[in-house]
């Protein structure tokens, strides 16, 4: 049971980190003078990048630790 709790907690933290990164990217794009669609595009790219990086790190750690 503790393993499930750790996995869920880690998943929530990664998603929150990705959302904060996306919001920051959108805000910085808007401050730079980008339009709303461009800011949303930057936010989506940042969100996907964080989730991809988390997946790659998880795969690498699984390969090393298992």
PDB file of N, CA and C in Angstrom:
ATOM      1  N   UNK A   1       0.806  -1.209   0.000  1.00  0.00           N
ATOM      2  CA  UNK A   1       0.000   0.000   0.000  1.00  0.00           C
ATOM      3  C   UNK A   1       0.848   1.271   0.000  1.00  0.00           C
ATOM      4  N   UNK A   2       1.943   1.346   0.748  1.00  0.00           N
ATOM      5  CA  UNK A   2       2.744   2.573   0.704  1.00  0.00           C
ATOM      6  C   UNK A   2       3.315   2.859  -0.688  1.00  0.00           C
ATOM      7  N   UNK A   3       3.565   1.811  -1.474  1.00  0.00           N
ATOM      8  CA  UNK A   3       4.107   2.013  -2.814  1.00  0.00           C
ATOM      9  C   UNK A   3       3.099   2.765  -3.684  1.00  0.00           C
ATOM     10  N   UNK A   4       1.832   2.394  -3.589  1.00  0.00           N
ATOM     11  CA  UNK A   4       0.788   3.078  -4.347  1.00  0.00           C
ATOM     12  C   UNK A   4       0.695   4.543  -3.934  1.00  0.00           C
ATOM     13  N   UNK A   5       0.814   4.806  -2.665  1.00  0.00           N
ATOM     14  CA  UNK A   5       0.769   6.181  -2.169  1.00  0.00           C
ATOM     15  C   UNK A   5       1.935   6.999  -2.725  1.00  0.00           C
ATOM     16  N   UNK A   6       3.100   6.425  -2.747  1.00  0.00           N
ATOM     17  CA  UNK A   6       4.281   7.128  -3.264  1.00  0.00           C
ATOM     18  C   UNK A   6       4.118   7.405  -4.751  1.00  0.00           C
ATOM     19  N   UNK A   7       3.622   6.435  -5.492  1.00  0.00           N
ATOM     20  CA  UNK A   7       3.433   6.616  -6.931  1.00  0.00           C
ATOM     21  C   UNK A   7       2.409   7.709  -7.206  1.00  0.00           C
ATOM     22  N   UNK A   8       1.294   7.682  -6.504  1.00  0.00           N
ATOM     23  CA  UNK A   8       0.261   8.704  -6.702  1.00  0.00           C
ATOM     24  C   UNK A   8       0.761  10.093  -6.299  1.00  0.00           C
ATOM     25  N   UNK A   9       1.457  10.172  -5.192  1.00  0.00           N
ATOM     26  CA  UNK A   9       1.983  11.455  -4.733  1.00  0.00           C
ATOM     27  C   UNK A   9       3.002  12.010  -5.734  1.00  0.00           C
ATOM     28  N   UNK A  10       3.861  11.166  -6.240  1.00  0.00           N
ATOM     29  CA  UNK A  10       4.850  11.594  -7.215  1.00  0.00           C
ATOM     30  C   UNK A  10       4.188  12.047  -8.511  1.00  0.00           C
ATOM     31  N   UNK A  11       3.162  11.318  -8.939  1.00  0.00           N
ATOM     32  CA  UNK A  11       2.434  11.696 -10.151  1.00  0.00           C
ATOM     33  C   UNK A  11       1.784  13.060  -9.999  1.00  0.00           C
ATOM     34  N   UNK A  12       1.164  13.288  -8.862  1.00  0.00           N
ATOM     35  CA  UNK A  12       0.530  14.592  -8.615  1.00  0.00           C
ATOM     36  C   UNK A  12       1.566  15.701  -8.601  1.00  0.00           C
ATOM     37  N   UNK A  13       2.707  15.465  -7.990  1.00  0.00           N
ATOM     38  CA  UNK A  13       3.756  16.484  -7.949  1.00  0.00           C
ATOM     39  C   UNK A  13       4.288  16.801  -9.345  1.00  0.00           C
ATOM     40  N   UNK A  14       4.454  15.777 -10.175  1.00  0.00           N
ATOM     41  CA  UNK A  14       4.959  16.006 -11.530  1.00  0.00           C
ATOM     42  C   UNK A  14       3.952  16.800 -12.356  1.00  0.00           C
ATOM     43  N   UNK A  15       2.675  16.466 -12.227  1.00  0.00           N
ATOM     44  CA  UNK A  15       1.642  17.198 -12.979  1.00  0.00           C
ATOM     45  C   UNK A  15       1.566  18.642 -12.496  1.00  0.00           C
ATOM     46  N   UNK A  16       1.661  18.868 -11.188  1.00  0.00           N
ATOM     47  CA  UNK A  16       1.657  20.240 -10.678  1.00  0.00           C
ATOM     48  C   UNK A  16       2.875  21.027 -11.169  1.00  0.00           C
ATOM     49  N   UNK A  17       4.025  20.384 -11.190  1.00  0.00           N
ATOM     50  CA  UNK A  17       5.222  21.035 -11.709  1.00  0.00           C
ATOM     51  C   UNK A  17       5.051  21.383 -13.187  1.00  0.00           C
ATOM     52  N   UNK A  18       4.462  20.472 -13.955  1.00  0.00           N
ATOM     53  CA  UNK A  18       4.230  20.724 -15.379  1.00  0.00           C
ATOM     54  C   UNK A  18       3.249  21.882 -15.573  1.00  0.00           C
ATOM     55  N   UNK A  19       2.202  21.940 -14.746  1.00  0.00           N
ATOM     56  CA  UNK A  19       1.236  23.042 -14.850  1.00  0.00           C
ATOM     57  C   UNK A  19       1.863  24.383 -14.489  1.00  0.00           C
ATOM     58  N   UNK A  20       2.697  24.382 -13.445  1.00  0.00           N
ATOM     59  CA  UNK A  20       3.361  25.634 -13.066  1.00  0.00           C
ATOM     60  C   UNK A  20       4.337  26.083 -14.149  1.00  0.00           C
ATOM     61  N   UNK A  21       5.022  25.137 -14.755  1.00  0.00           N
ATOM     62  CA  UNK A  21       5.941  25.468 -15.845  1.00  0.00           C
ATOM     63  C   UNK A  21       5.179  26.033 -17.037  1.00  0.00           C
ATOM     64  N   UNK A  22       4.047  25.428 -17.360  1.00  0.00           N
ATOM     65  CA  UNK A  22       3.230  25.907 -18.476  1.00  0.00           C
ATOM     66  C   UNK A  22       2.700  27.315 -18.209  1.00  0.00           C
ATOM     67  N   UNK A  23       2.240  27.553 -16.994  1.00  0.00           N
ATOM     68  CA  UNK A  23       1.731  28.884 -16.658  1.00  0.00           C
ATOM     69  C   UNK A  23       2.831  29.928 -16.732  1.00  0.00           C
ATOM     70  N   UNK A  24       4.011  29.575 -16.272  1.00  0.00           N
ATOM     71  CA  UNK A  24       5.143  30.494 -16.337  1.00  0.00           C
ATOM     72  C   UNK A  24       5.541  30.783 -17.777  1.00  0.00           C
ATOM     73  N   UNK A  25       5.547  29.750 -18.608  1.00  0.00           N
ATOM     74  CA  UNK A  25       5.900  29.946 -20.018  1.00  0.00           C
ATOM     75  C   UNK A  25       4.885  30.853 -20.712  1.00  0.00           C
ATOM     76  N   UNK A  26       3.611  30.652 -20.409  1.00  0.00           N
ATOM     77  CA  UNK A  26       2.574  31.499 -21.009  1.00  0.00           C
ATOM     78  C   UNK A  26       2.705  32.945 -20.534  1.00  0.00           C
ATOM     79  N   UNK A  27       2.962  33.130 -19.271  1.00  0.00           N
ATOM     80  CA  UNK A  27       3.105  34.489 -18.728  1.00  0.00           C
ATOM     81  C   UNK A  27       4.315  35.194 -19.339  1.00  0.00           C
ATOM     82  N   UNK A  28       5.423  34.480 -19.441  1.00  0.00           N
ATOM     83  CA  UNK A  28       6.616  35.084 -20.035  1.00  0.00           C
ATOM     84  C   UNK A  28       6.403  35.404 -21.513  1.00  0.00           C
ATOM     85  N   UNK A  29       5.674  34.555 -22.210  1.00  0.00           N
ATOM     86  CA  UNK A  29       5.387  34.831 -23.623  1.00  0.00           C
ATOM     87  C   UNK A  29       4.512  36.066 -23.758  1.00  0.00           C
ATOM     88  N   UNK A  30       3.522  36.197 -22.877  1.00  0.00           N
ATOM     89  CA  UNK A  30       2.656  37.377 -22.929  1.00  0.00           C
ATOM     90  C   UNK A  30       3.424  38.644 -22.570  1.00  0.00           C
ATOM     91  N   UNK A  31       4.314  38.560 -21.603  1.00  0.00           N
ATOM     92  CA  UNK A  31       5.123  39.723 -21.242  1.00  0.00           C
ATOM     93  C   UNK A  31       6.057  40.132 -22.380  1.00  0.00           C
ATOM     94  N   UNK A  32       6.410  39.168 -23.210  1.00  0.00           N
ATOM     95  CA  UNK A  32       7.278  39.434 -24.344  1.00  0.00           C
ATOM     96  C   UNK A  32       6.503  39.992 -25.534  1.00  0.00           C
ATOM     97  N   UNK A  33       5.180  40.070 -25.401  1.00  0.00           N
ATOM     98  CA  UNK A  33       4.367  40.654 -26.456  1.00  0.00           C
ATOM     99  C   UNK A  33       3.717  39.649 -27.389  1.00  0.00           C
ATOM    100  N   UNK A  34       3.742  38.372 -27.042  1.00  0.00           N
ATOM    101  CA  UNK A  34       3.132  37.361 -27.897  1.00  0.00           C
ATOM    102  C   UNK A  34       1.608  37.409 -27.781  1.00  0.00           C
ATOM    103  N   UNK A  35       0.937  36.960 -28.829  1.00  0.00           N
ATOM    104  CA  UNK A  35      -0.523  36.901 -28.791  1.00  0.00           C
ATOM    105  C   UNK A  35      -0.961  35.733 -27.900  1.00  0.00           C
ATOM    106  N   UNK A  36      -2.265  35.696 -27.585  1.00  0.00           N
ATOM    107  CA  UNK A  36      -2.762  34.621 -26.729  1.00  0.00           C
ATOM    108  C   UNK A  36      -2.565  33.232 -27.349  1.00  0.00           C
ATOM    109  N   UNK A  37      -2.872  33.039 -28.640  1.00  0.00           N
ATOM    110  CA  UNK A  37      -2.624  31.711 -29.208  1.00  0.00           C
ATOM    111  C   UNK A  37      -1.151  31.288 -29.159  1.00  0.00           C
ATOM    112  N   UNK A  38      -0.261  32.227 -29.365  1.00  0.00           N
ATOM    113  CA  UNK A  38       1.163  31.905 -29.291  1.00  0.00           C
ATOM    114  C   UNK A  38       1.571  31.582 -27.859  1.00  0.00           C
ATOM    115  N   UNK A  39       1.028  32.312 -26.892  1.00  0.00           N
ATOM    116  CA  UNK A  39       1.338  32.033 -25.485  1.00  0.00           C
ATOM    117  C   UNK A  39       0.826  30.657 -25.085  1.00  0.00           C
ATOM    118  N   UNK A  40      -0.354  30.287 -25.569  1.00  0.00           N
ATOM    119  CA  UNK A  40      -0.896  28.960 -25.265  1.00  0.00           C
ATOM    120  C   UNK A  40      -0.036  27.878 -25.912  1.00  0.00           C
ATOM    121  N   UNK A  41       0.465  28.162 -27.110  1.00  0.00           N
ATOM    122  CA  UNK A  41       1.351  27.206 -27.779  1.00  0.00           C
ATOM    123  C   UNK A  41       2.628  27.002 -26.967  1.00  0.00           C
ATOM    124  N   UNK A  42       3.188  28.080 -26.449  1.00  0.00           N
ATOM    125  CA  UNK A  42       4.386  27.975 -25.614  1.00  0.00           C
ATOM    126  C   UNK A  42       4.078  27.196 -24.334  1.00  0.00           C
ATOM    127  N   UNK A  43       2.916  27.459 -23.751  1.00  0.00           N
ATOM    128  CA  UNK A  43       2.538  26.753 -22.531  1.00  0.00           C
ATOM    129  C   UNK A  43       2.380  25.256 -22.792  1.00  0.00           C
ATOM    130  N   UNK A  44       1.735  24.915 -23.897  1.00  0.00           N
ATOM    131  CA  UNK A  44       1.543  23.496 -24.223  1.00  0.00           C
ATOM    132  C   UNK A  44       2.867  22.801 -24.488  1.00  0.00           C
ATOM    133  N   UNK A  45       3.774  23.487 -25.142  1.00  0.00           N
ATOM    134  CA  UNK A  45       5.091  22.908 -25.413  1.00  0.00           C
ATOM    135  C   UNK A  45       5.857  22.673 -24.111  1.00  0.00           C
ATOM    136  N   UNK A  46       5.794  23.635 -23.205  1.00  0.00           N
ATOM    137  CA  UNK A  46       6.482  23.490 -21.917  1.00  0.00           C
ATOM    138  C   UNK A  46       5.865  22.355 -21.102  1.00  0.00           C
ATOM    139  N   UNK A  47       4.535  22.261 -21.090  1.00  0.00           N
ATOM    140  CA  UNK A  47       3.837  21.203 -20.362  1.00  0.00           C
ATOM    141  C   UNK A  47       4.245  19.832 -20.897  1.00  0.00           C
ATOM    142  N   UNK A  48       4.221  19.687 -22.211  1.00  0.00           N
ATOM    143  CA  UNK A  48       4.588  18.413 -22.822  1.00  0.00           C
ATOM    144  C   UNK A  48       6.057  18.090 -22.573  1.00  0.00           C
ATOM    145  N   UNK A  49       6.893  19.107 -22.591  1.00  0.00           N
ATOM    146  CA  UNK A  49       8.315  18.888 -22.342  1.00  0.00           C
ATOM    147  C   UNK A  49       8.588  18.370 -20.943  1.00  0.00           C
ATOM    148  N   UNK A  50       7.913  18.934 -19.957  1.00  0.00           N
ATOM    149  CA  UNK A  50       8.112  18.479 -18.574  1.00  0.00           C
ATOM    150  C   UNK A  50       7.630  17.045 -18.411  1.00  0.00           C
ATOM    151  N   UNK A  51       6.467  16.727 -18.981  1.00  0.00           N
ATOM    152  CA  UNK A  51       5.964  15.357 -18.870  1.00  0.00           C
ATOM    153  C   UNK A  51       6.856  14.365 -19.611  1.00  0.00           C
ATOM    154  N   UNK A  52       7.382  14.763 -20.759  1.00  0.00           N
ATOM    155  CA  UNK A  52       8.295  13.896 -21.506  1.00  0.00           C
ATOM    156  C   UNK A  52       9.577  13.662 -20.724  1.00  0.00           C
ATOM    157  N   UNK A  53      10.115  14.725 -20.149  1.00  0.00           N
ATOM    158  CA  UNK A  53      11.327  14.594 -19.353  1.00  0.00           C
ATOM    159  C   UNK A  53      11.092  13.684 -18.152  1.00  0.00           C
ATOM    160  N   UNK A  54       9.953  13.812 -17.510  1.00  0.00           N
ATOM    161  CA  UNK A  54       9.632  12.939 -16.374  1.00  0.00           C
ATOM    162  C   UNK A  54       9.545  11.482 -16.822  1.00  0.00           C
ATOM    163  N   UNK A  55       8.961  11.245 -17.988  1.00  0.00           N
ATOM    164  CA  UNK A  55       8.884   9.882 -18.497  1.00  0.00           C
ATOM    165  C   UNK A  55      10.241   9.296 -18.837  1.00  0.00           C
ATOM    166  N   UNK A  56      11.101  10.109 -19.428  1.00  0.00           N
ATOM    167  CA  UNK A  56      12.447   9.642 -19.783  1.00  0.00           C
ATOM    168  C   UNK A  56      13.254   9.330 -18.519  1.00  0.00           C
ATOM    169  N   UNK A  57      13.163  10.190 -17.529  1.00  0.00           N
ATOM    170  CA  UNK A  57      13.876   9.945 -16.281  1.00  0.00           C
ATOM    171  C   UNK A  57      13.367   8.686 -15.598  1.00  0.00           C
ATOM    172  N   UNK A  58      12.048   8.494 -15.613  1.00  0.00           N
ATOM    173  CA  UNK A  58      11.463   7.288 -15.023  1.00  0.00           C
ATOM    174  C   UNK A  58      11.950   6.038 -15.755  1.00  0.00           C
ATOM    175  N   UNK A  59      11.980   6.069 -17.071  1.00  0.00           N
ATOM    176  CA  UNK A  59      12.450   4.915 -17.841  1.00  0.00           C
ATOM    177  C   UNK A  59      13.923   4.632 -17.555  1.00  0.00           C
ATOM    178  N   UNK A  60      14.719   5.678 -17.473  1.00  0.00           N
ATOM    179  CA  UNK A  60      16.154   5.491 -17.196  1.00  0.00           C
ATOM    180  C   UNK A  60      16.378   4.921 -15.811  1.00  0.00           C
ATOM    181  N   UNK A  61      15.659   5.432 -14.829  1.00  0.00           N
ATOM    182  CA  UNK A  61      15.817   4.914 -13.469  1.00  0.00           C
ATOM    183  C   UNK A  61      15.324   3.482 -13.349  1.00  0.00           C
ATOM    184  N   UNK A  62      14.247   3.175 -14.068  1.00  0.00           N
ATOM    185  CA  UNK A  62      13.737   1.803 -14.040  1.00  0.00           C
ATOM    186  C   UNK A  62      14.754   0.847 -14.646  1.00  0.00           C
ATOM    187  N   UNK A  63      15.393   1.247 -15.723  1.00  0.00           N
ATOM    188  CA  UNK A  63      16.388   0.390 -16.365  1.00  0.00           C
ATOM    189  C   UNK A  63      17.601   0.184 -15.448  1.00  0.00           C
ATOM    190  N   UNK A  64      17.959   1.202 -14.721  1.00  0.00           N
ATOM    191  CA  UNK A  64      19.152   1.097 -13.856  1.00  0.00           C
ATOM    192  C   UNK A  64      18.841   0.331 -12.573  1.00  0.00           C
ATOM    193  N   UNK A  65      17.683   0.589 -11.989  1.00  0.00           N
ATOM    194  CA  UNK A  65      17.382   0.024 -10.662  1.00  0.00           C
ATOM    195  C   UNK A  65      16.782  -1.372 -10.701  1.00  0.00           C
ATOM    196  N   UNK A  66      16.256  -1.791 -11.847  1.00  0.00           N
ATOM    197  CA  UNK A  66      15.606  -3.111 -11.898  1.00  0.00           C
ATOM    198  C   UNK A  66      16.526  -4.141 -12.448  1.00  0.00           C
TER     199      UNK A  66
END
